[in-house]
Amino acid sequence: MHLIVLLGEALLNTPVTTVLFDLDGTLIDSLPDLAESGAALLESYGLTPLAPESVRAMIGDGARKLVGRLLIAAGDTGPIDRDEALERFLAFYTPRAALKTRLFPGVKATLQTLVENGIACAICTNKPAEAARLIVEKLGLSPLIDAIGGGDSFSVRKPDPGHVIETLRLMGRPVSGAAMIGDHRNDMLAARDAGLPGIFAAWGYGDASMSRDATAIARRIEDVPPLLEKVTAL
């Protein structure tokens, strides 16, 4: 069952011509590589690694927040320098960002459908841009993605709406006619505050409470194209 919520007449009368996708938990299952890199980080400080399922709920706010959460959950109370820990984590993660990371089922076919229908696609992620580009390239999405707005690409990141707006600017696209797809509250808040529809990716890492500010909920990524039409038609 899909949830459609009316946002605003002017917005919803505009056909969707641009779609911004979150990356982790939306297009890709990156948990294995993030969890293993987190384990390497914790072990390098003599701390006990966390189970992957514990790491899942920590994903979505960028690498710095992830590192802080990993350290706190493993028992560090603050002596470890967070800047140094972030550098150490990225040194572990970036080279292996696509080793075990996989596309969610239906992702490539859905992106191809959107592009064939004249809809431009880009990625708006809190993940560092270098790692995002590596993953997009290795998983064969580069021909379908017009731009990547990473968590370190601009002076702000989601939930700040500026992250959405700047990613659209990279594409040369206006806010009007754009939509955001993601599995985290940050995606829905950034979309809402930028003035565009947000479709919550229910197949991802975020729990149902994170869909509170969504315009629509997609149970599978294959639901996205028809939902975009419904949002436009309201």
C-alpha atoms as a PDB file:
ATOM      1  CA  MET A   1       0.000   0.000   0.000  1.00  0.00           C
ATOM      2  CA  HIS A   2       1.365   3.404  -0.976  1.00  0.00           C
ATOM      3  CA  LEU A   3       0.981   6.572   1.041  1.00  0.00           C
ATOM      4  CA  ILE A   4       0.446   9.768  -0.950  1.00  0.00           C
ATOM      5  CA  VAL A   5       0.278  13.076   0.907  1.00  0.00           C
ATOM      6  CA  LEU A   6      -0.606  16.363  -0.784  1.00  0.00           C
ATOM      7  CA  LEU A   7       2.203  18.899  -0.473  1.00  0.00           C
ATOM      8  CA  GLY A   8       1.250  21.895  -2.552  1.00  0.00           C
ATOM      9  CA  GLU A   9      -0.707  22.493  -5.713  1.00  0.00           C
ATOM     10  CA  ALA A  10       1.984  24.413  -7.601  1.00  0.00           C
ATOM     11  CA  LEU A  11       4.662  21.825  -6.874  1.00  0.00           C
ATOM     12  CA  LEU A  12       2.553  18.795  -7.674  1.00  0.00           C
ATOM     13  CA  ASN A  13       1.289  20.251 -10.950  1.00  0.00           C
ATOM     14  CA  THR A  14       4.884  20.222 -12.226  1.00  0.00           C
ATOM     15  CA  PRO A  15       5.935  16.997 -13.997  1.00  0.00           C
ATOM     16  CA  VAL A  16       8.976  15.331 -12.455  1.00  0.00           C
ATOM     17  CA  THR A  17      11.966  15.667 -14.786  1.00  0.00           C
ATOM     18  CA  THR A  18      14.809  15.224 -12.278  1.00  0.00           C
ATOM     19  CA  VAL A  19      15.270  12.651  -9.517  1.00  0.00           C
ATOM     20  CA  LEU A  20      17.877  12.801  -6.770  1.00  0.00           C
ATOM     21  CA  PHE A  21      18.689   9.503  -5.085  1.00  0.00           C
ATOM     22  CA  ASP A  22      20.303   8.895  -1.754  1.00  0.00           C
ATOM     23  CA  LEU A  23      22.970   6.184  -2.057  1.00  0.00           C
ATOM     24  CA  ASP A  24      23.440   3.985   1.048  1.00  0.00           C
ATOM     25  CA  GLY A  25      20.249   2.125   1.878  1.00  0.00           C
ATOM     26  CA  THR A  26      18.515   3.435  -1.246  1.00  0.00           C
ATOM     27  CA  LEU A  27      20.475   2.355  -4.323  1.00  0.00           C
ATOM     28  CA  ILE A  28      23.098   0.218  -2.600  1.00  0.00           C
ATOM     29  CA  ASP A  29      23.473  -2.175   0.308  1.00  0.00           C
ATOM     30  CA  SER A  30      26.793  -0.891   1.638  1.00  0.00           C
ATOM     31  CA  LEU A  31      26.473  -2.328   5.137  1.00  0.00           C
ATOM     32  CA  PRO A  32      29.059  -5.131   4.689  1.00  0.00           C
ATOM     33  CA  ASP A  33      31.867  -2.768   3.641  1.00  0.00           C
ATOM     34  CA  LEU A  34      30.935  -0.091   6.175  1.00  0.00           C
ATOM     35  CA  ALA A  35      30.737  -2.630   9.000  1.00  0.00           C
ATOM     36  CA  GLU A  36      34.073  -4.237   8.106  1.00  0.00           C
ATOM     37  CA  SER A  37      35.772  -0.851   7.814  1.00  0.00           C
ATOM     38  CA  GLY A  38      34.259   0.121  11.149  1.00  0.00           C
ATOM     39  CA  ALA A  39      35.587  -3.094  12.669  1.00  0.00           C
ATOM     40  CA  ALA A  40      39.070  -2.323  11.335  1.00  0.00           C
ATOM     41  CA  LEU A  41      38.872   1.164  12.835  1.00  0.00           C
ATOM     42  CA  LEU A  42      37.824  -0.096  16.261  1.00  0.00           C
ATOM     43  CA  GLU A  43      40.443  -2.841  16.282  1.00  0.00           C
ATOM     44  CA  SER A  44      43.122  -0.269  15.426  1.00  0.00           C
ATOM     45  CA  TYR A  45      42.257   1.449  18.721  1.00  0.00           C
ATOM     46  CA  GLY A  46      42.084  -1.797  20.678  1.00  0.00           C
ATOM     47  CA  LEU A  47      38.277  -1.715  20.840  1.00  0.00           C
ATOM     48  CA  THR A  48      35.884  -4.599  20.173  1.00  0.00           C
ATOM     49  CA  PRO A  49      34.184  -4.520  16.734  1.00  0.00           C
ATOM     50  CA  LEU A  50      30.412  -4.203  16.527  1.00  0.00           C
ATOM     51  CA  ALA A  51      28.024  -6.609  14.831  1.00  0.00           C
ATOM     52  CA  PRO A  52      26.917  -5.422  11.367  1.00  0.00           C
ATOM     53  CA  GLU A  53      23.299  -5.112  12.488  1.00  0.00           C
ATOM     54  CA  SER A  54      24.398  -2.661  15.172  1.00  0.00           C
ATOM     55  CA  VAL A  55      26.131  -0.575  12.508  1.00  0.00           C
ATOM     56  CA  ARG A  56      23.058  -0.477  10.254  1.00  0.00           C
ATOM     57  CA  ALA A  57      21.222   2.062  12.421  1.00  0.00           C
ATOM     58  CA  MET A  58      24.303   4.331  12.472  1.00  0.00           C
ATOM     59  CA  ILE A  59      24.327   4.890   8.691  1.00  0.00           C
ATOM     60  CA  GLY A  60      22.890   7.976   7.036  1.00  0.00           C
ATOM     61  CA  ASP A  61      24.446  11.038   8.657  1.00  0.00           C
ATOM     62  CA  GLY A  62      27.849  10.944   6.979  1.00  0.00           C
ATOM     63  CA  ALA A  63      31.228   9.432   7.809  1.00  0.00           C
ATOM     64  CA  ARG A  64      32.058  11.720  10.737  1.00  0.00           C
ATOM     65  CA  LYS A  65      28.846  10.880  12.592  1.00  0.00           C
ATOM     66  CA  LEU A  66      29.298   7.185  11.811  1.00  0.00           C
ATOM     67  CA  VAL A  67      32.812   7.210  13.255  1.00  0.00           C
ATOM     68  CA  GLY A  68      31.641   8.963  16.416  1.00  0.00           C
ATOM     69  CA  ARG A  69      28.815   6.482  16.893  1.00  0.00           C
ATOM     70  CA  LEU A  70      31.118   3.516  16.340  1.00  0.00           C
ATOM     71  CA  LEU A  71      33.583   4.755  18.947  1.00  0.00           C
ATOM     72  CA  ILE A  72      30.927   5.541  21.544  1.00  0.00           C
ATOM     73  CA  ALA A  73      29.154   2.204  21.036  1.00  0.00           C
ATOM     74  CA  ALA A  74      32.485   0.392  21.411  1.00  0.00           C
ATOM     75  CA  GLY A  75      33.160   2.089  24.737  1.00  0.00           C
ATOM     76  CA  ASP A  76      35.240   5.169  23.928  1.00  0.00           C
ATOM     77  CA  THR A  77      34.157   8.154  26.013  1.00  0.00           C
ATOM     78  CA  GLY A  78      36.008  10.889  24.141  1.00  0.00           C
ATOM     79  CA  PRO A  79      39.811  10.585  24.456  1.00  0.00           C
ATOM     80  CA  ILE A  80      40.163   9.398  20.844  1.00  0.00           C
ATOM     81  CA  ASP A  81      40.559  12.376  18.517  1.00  0.00           C
ATOM     82  CA  ARG A  82      37.585  12.367  16.147  1.00  0.00           C
ATOM     83  CA  ASP A  83      39.402  14.075  13.275  1.00  0.00           C
ATOM     84  CA  GLU A  84      42.193  11.508  13.361  1.00  0.00           C
ATOM     85  CA  ALA A  85      39.663   8.690  13.699  1.00  0.00           C
ATOM     86  CA  LEU A  86      37.751   9.966  10.663  1.00  0.00           C
ATOM     87  CA  GLU A  87      40.935  10.016   8.579  1.00  0.00           C
ATOM     88  CA  ARG A  88      41.770   6.516   9.754  1.00  0.00           C
ATOM     89  CA  PHE A  89      38.272   5.237   8.929  1.00  0.00           C
ATOM     90  CA  LEU A  90      38.345   6.729   5.426  1.00  0.00           C
ATOM     91  CA  ALA A  91      41.760   5.163   4.840  1.00  0.00           C
ATOM     92  CA  PHE A  92      40.213   1.780   5.656  1.00  0.00           C
ATOM     93  CA  TYR A  93      36.939   2.377   3.821  1.00  0.00           C
ATOM     94  CA  THR A  94      37.681   4.205   0.566  1.00  0.00           C
ATOM     95  CA  PRO A  95      39.821   1.470  -1.068  1.00  0.00           C
ATOM     96  CA  ARG A  96      37.245  -1.196  -0.205  1.00  0.00           C
ATOM     97  CA  ALA A  97      34.052   0.823  -0.641  1.00  0.00           C
ATOM     98  CA  ALA A  98      32.738  -1.460  -3.391  1.00  0.00           C
ATOM     99  CA  LEU A  99      34.219  -4.828  -2.407  1.00  0.00           C
ATOM    100  CA  LYS A 100      31.028  -6.295  -0.928  1.00  0.00           C
ATOM    101  CA  THR A 101      28.617  -3.436  -1.634  1.00  0.00           C
ATOM    102  CA  ARG A 102      25.850  -4.397  -4.043  1.00  0.00           C
ATOM    103  CA  LEU A 103      22.936  -2.745  -5.792  1.00  0.00           C
ATOM    104  CA  PHE A 104      19.530  -3.457  -4.337  1.00  0.00           C
ATOM    105  CA  PRO A 105      17.402  -5.598  -6.677  1.00  0.00           C
ATOM    106  CA  GLY A 106      15.819  -3.629  -9.501  1.00  0.00           C
ATOM    107  CA  VAL A 107      17.996  -0.526  -9.129  1.00  0.00           C
ATOM    108  CA  LYS A 108      19.711  -0.531 -12.507  1.00  0.00           C
ATOM    109  CA  ALA A 109      16.558  -1.393 -14.447  1.00  0.00           C
ATOM    110  CA  THR A 110      14.595   1.338 -12.660  1.00  0.00           C
ATOM    111  CA  LEU A 111      17.253   3.964 -13.348  1.00  0.00           C
ATOM    112  CA  GLN A 112      17.316   2.892 -16.992  1.00  0.00           C
ATOM    113  CA  THR A 113      13.529   3.263 -17.169  1.00  0.00           C
ATOM    114  CA  LEU A 114      13.676   6.766 -15.724  1.00  0.00           C
ATOM    115  CA  VAL A 115      16.455   7.865 -18.082  1.00  0.00           C
ATOM    116  CA  GLU A 116      14.665   6.377 -21.096  1.00  0.00           C
ATOM    117  CA  ASN A 117      11.604   8.395 -20.079  1.00  0.00           C
ATOM    118  CA  GLY A 118      13.628  11.602 -20.133  1.00  0.00           C
ATOM    119  CA  ILE A 119      14.151  11.913 -16.375  1.00  0.00           C
ATOM    120  CA  ALA A 120      17.642  12.986 -15.291  1.00  0.00           C
ATOM    121  CA  CYS A 121      19.073  11.118 -12.289  1.00  0.00           C
ATOM    122  CA  ALA A 122      21.710  12.176  -9.768  1.00  0.00           C
ATOM    123  CA  ILE A 123      22.960  11.136  -6.346  1.00  0.00           C
ATOM    124  CA  CYS A 124      22.665  13.313  -3.253  1.00  0.00           C
ATOM    125  CA  THR A 125      24.443  11.472  -0.442  1.00  0.00           C
ATOM    126  CA  ASN A 126      26.103  12.236   2.873  1.00  0.00           C
ATOM    127  CA  LYS A 127      28.820   9.732   1.915  1.00  0.00           C
ATOM    128  CA  PRO A 128      32.149  11.332   0.908  1.00  0.00           C
ATOM    129  CA  ALA A 129      32.095  12.067  -2.820  1.00  0.00           C
ATOM    130  CA  GLU A 130      35.228  10.043  -3.628  1.00  0.00           C
ATOM    131  CA  ALA A 131      33.774   6.844  -2.176  1.00  0.00           C
ATOM    132  CA  ALA A 132      30.420   7.527  -3.842  1.00  0.00           C
ATOM    133  CA  ARG A 133      32.046   7.957  -7.264  1.00  0.00           C
ATOM    134  CA  LEU A 134      34.054   4.762  -6.813  1.00  0.00           C
ATOM    135  CA  ILE A 135      30.914   2.789  -5.987  1.00  0.00           C
ATOM    136  CA  VAL A 136      28.860   4.288  -8.820  1.00  0.00           C
ATOM    137  CA  GLU A 137      31.608   3.448 -11.299  1.00  0.00           C
ATOM    138  CA  LYS A 138      32.275  -0.092 -10.069  1.00  0.00           C
ATOM    139  CA  LEU A 139      28.587  -0.986  -9.950  1.00  0.00           C
ATOM    140  CA  GLY A 140      28.012   0.240 -13.499  1.00  0.00           C
ATOM    141  CA  LEU A 141      25.752   3.204 -12.752  1.00  0.00           C
ATOM    142  CA  SER A 142      27.927   5.971 -14.205  1.00  0.00           C
ATOM    143  CA  PRO A 143      26.095   6.163 -17.577  1.00  0.00           C
ATOM    144  CA  LEU A 144      22.803   6.693 -15.724  1.00  0.00           C
ATOM    145  CA  ILE A 145      23.949   9.309 -13.194  1.00  0.00           C
ATOM    146  CA  ASP A 146      24.413  12.951 -14.207  1.00  0.00           C
ATOM    147  CA  ALA A 147      26.011  14.226 -10.993  1.00  0.00           C
ATOM    148  CA  ILE A 148      27.051  13.253  -7.476  1.00  0.00           C
ATOM    149  CA  GLY A 149      26.588  15.654  -4.582  1.00  0.00           C
ATOM    150  CA  GLY A 150      28.577  14.081  -1.756  1.00  0.00           C
ATOM    151  CA  GLY A 151      28.656  14.835   1.931  1.00  0.00           C
ATOM    152  CA  ASP A 152      31.879  16.788   1.438  1.00  0.00           C
ATOM    153  CA  SER A 153      30.970  18.406  -1.902  1.00  0.00           C
ATOM    154  CA  PHE A 154      29.404  21.531  -0.401  1.00  0.00           C
ATOM    155  CA  SER A 155      29.459  23.523   2.820  1.00  0.00           C
ATOM    156  CA  VAL A 156      26.253  21.773   3.975  1.00  0.00           C
ATOM    157  CA  ARG A 157      24.792  18.286   3.812  1.00  0.00           C
ATOM    158  CA  LYS A 158      21.407  16.653   4.385  1.00  0.00           C
ATOM    159  CA  PRO A 159      19.134  17.396   6.202  1.00  0.00           C
ATOM    160  CA  ASP A 160      20.117  20.911   5.103  1.00  0.00           C
ATOM    161  CA  PRO A 161      18.109  21.658   1.928  1.00  0.00           C
ATOM    162  CA  GLY A 162      21.167  23.379   0.498  1.00  0.00           C
ATOM    163  CA  HIS A 163      22.631  19.949  -0.238  1.00  0.00           C
ATOM    164  CA  VAL A 164      19.670  19.184  -2.506  1.00  0.00           C
ATOM    165  CA  ILE A 165      19.732  22.605  -4.150  1.00  0.00           C
ATOM    166  CA  GLU A 166      23.486  22.519  -4.792  1.00  0.00           C
ATOM    167  CA  THR A 167      23.263  19.023  -6.283  1.00  0.00           C
ATOM    168  CA  LEU A 168      20.559  20.251  -8.654  1.00  0.00           C
ATOM    169  CA  ARG A 169      22.796  23.197  -9.526  1.00  0.00           C
ATOM    170  CA  LEU A 170      25.589  20.761 -10.424  1.00  0.00           C
ATOM    171  CA  MET A 171      23.166  19.231 -12.910  1.00  0.00           C
ATOM    172  CA  GLY A 172      22.008  22.588 -14.233  1.00  0.00           C
ATOM    173  CA  ARG A 173      18.484  21.739 -13.098  1.00  0.00           C
ATOM    174  CA  PRO A 174      15.891  23.818 -11.205  1.00  0.00           C
ATOM    175  CA  VAL A 175      14.130  22.779  -8.008  1.00  0.00           C
ATOM    176  CA  SER A 176      10.844  22.825  -9.913  1.00  0.00           C
ATOM    177  CA  GLY A 177      10.288  19.388 -11.426  1.00  0.00           C
ATOM    178  CA  ALA A 178      12.710  17.613  -9.066  1.00  0.00           C
ATOM    179  CA  ALA A 179      12.037  14.853  -6.520  1.00  0.00           C
ATOM    180  CA  MET A 180      14.154  13.156  -3.830  1.00  0.00           C
ATOM    181  CA  ILE A 181      14.269   9.420  -3.064  1.00  0.00           C
ATOM    182  CA  GLY A 182      15.840   8.165   0.163  1.00  0.00           C
ATOM    183  CA  ASP A 183      15.592   5.861   3.171  1.00  0.00           C
ATOM    184  CA  HIS A 184      16.470   8.322   5.940  1.00  0.00           C
ATOM    185  CA  ARG A 185      14.738  11.203   7.700  1.00  0.00           C
ATOM    186  CA  ASN A 186      17.549  13.433   6.424  1.00  0.00           C
ATOM    187  CA  ASP A 187      16.417  12.800   2.851  1.00  0.00           C
ATOM    188  CA  MET A 188      12.793  13.616   3.584  1.00  0.00           C
ATOM    189  CA  LEU A 189      13.616  16.737   5.607  1.00  0.00           C
ATOM    190  CA  ALA A 190      16.017  18.046   2.958  1.00  0.00           C
ATOM    191  CA  ALA A 191      13.413  17.460   0.242  1.00  0.00           C
ATOM    192  CA  ARG A 192      10.627  19.084   2.242  1.00  0.00           C
ATOM    193  CA  ASP A 193      12.660  22.160   3.118  1.00  0.00           C
ATOM    194  CA  ALA A 194      13.944  22.513  -0.451  1.00  0.00           C
ATOM    195  CA  GLY A 195      10.328  22.494  -1.647  1.00  0.00           C
ATOM    196  CA  LEU A 196      10.239  19.236  -3.573  1.00  0.00           C
ATOM    197  CA  PRO A 197       8.515  15.852  -3.137  1.00  0.00           C
ATOM    198  CA  GLY A 198      10.279  13.186  -1.106  1.00  0.00           C
ATOM    199  CA  ILE A 199       9.664   9.476  -1.676  1.00  0.00           C
ATOM    200  CA  PHE A 200      10.713   7.260   1.217  1.00  0.00           C
ATOM    201  CA  ALA A 201      12.596   4.074   0.268  1.00  0.00           C
ATOM    202  CA  ALA A 202      11.004   1.536   2.605  1.00  0.00           C
ATOM    203  CA  TRP A 203      13.381  -1.221   1.429  1.00  0.00           C
ATOM    204  CA  GLY A 204      16.361   0.616   2.939  1.00  0.00           C
ATOM    205  CA  TYR A 205      17.981   0.989   6.351  1.00  0.00           C
ATOM    206  CA  GLY A 206      15.621   3.551   7.881  1.00  0.00           C
ATOM    207  CA  ASP A 207      12.706   2.463  10.044  1.00  0.00           C
ATOM    208  CA  ALA A 208       9.130   3.503   9.307  1.00  0.00           C
ATOM    209  CA  SER A 209       9.287   6.516  11.641  1.00  0.00           C
ATOM    210  CA  MET A 210      11.732   8.179   9.245  1.00  0.00           C
ATOM    211  CA  SER A 211       9.009   8.449   6.589  1.00  0.00           C
ATOM    212  CA  ARG A 212       7.016  10.993   8.594  1.00  0.00           C
ATOM    213  CA  ASP A 213       7.830  13.909   6.274  1.00  0.00           C
ATOM    214  CA  ALA A 214       7.602  11.909   3.039  1.00  0.00           C
ATOM    215  CA  THR A 215       5.285  12.729   0.169  1.00  0.00           C
ATOM    216  CA  ALA A 216       5.054   9.046  -0.734  1.00  0.00           C
ATOM    217  CA  ILE A 217       6.370   5.669   0.376  1.00  0.00           C
ATOM    218  CA  ALA A 218       7.805   3.143  -2.081  1.00  0.00           C
ATOM    219  CA  ARG A 219       7.991  -0.463  -0.898  1.00  0.00           C
ATOM    220  CA  ARG A 220      10.285  -1.453  -3.796  1.00  0.00           C
ATOM    221  CA  ILE A 221      12.408   0.657  -6.096  1.00  0.00           C
ATOM    222  CA  GLU A 222      10.250  -0.518  -9.007  1.00  0.00           C
ATOM    223  CA  ASP A 223       7.426   1.484  -7.391  1.00  0.00           C
ATOM    224  CA  VAL A 224       9.293   4.766  -7.918  1.00  0.00           C
ATOM    225  CA  PRO A 225       8.380   5.525 -11.580  1.00  0.00           C
ATOM    226  CA  PRO A 226       4.600   5.069 -11.092  1.00  0.00           C
ATOM    227  CA  LEU A 227       4.737   6.961  -7.790  1.00  0.00           C
ATOM    228  CA  LEU A 228       6.409   9.892  -9.535  1.00  0.00           C
ATOM    229  CA  GLU A 229       3.476   9.974 -11.938  1.00  0.00           C
ATOM    230  CA  LYS A 230       0.973   9.879  -9.066  1.00  0.00           C
ATOM    231  CA  VAL A 231       2.747  12.665  -7.208  1.00  0.00           C
ATOM    232  CA  THR A 232       2.723  14.774 -10.376  1.00  0.00           C
ATOM    233  CA  ALA A 233      -0.954  14.088 -10.996  1.00  0.00           C
ATOM    234  CA  LEU A 234      -2.218  15.136  -7.553  1.00  0.00           C
END
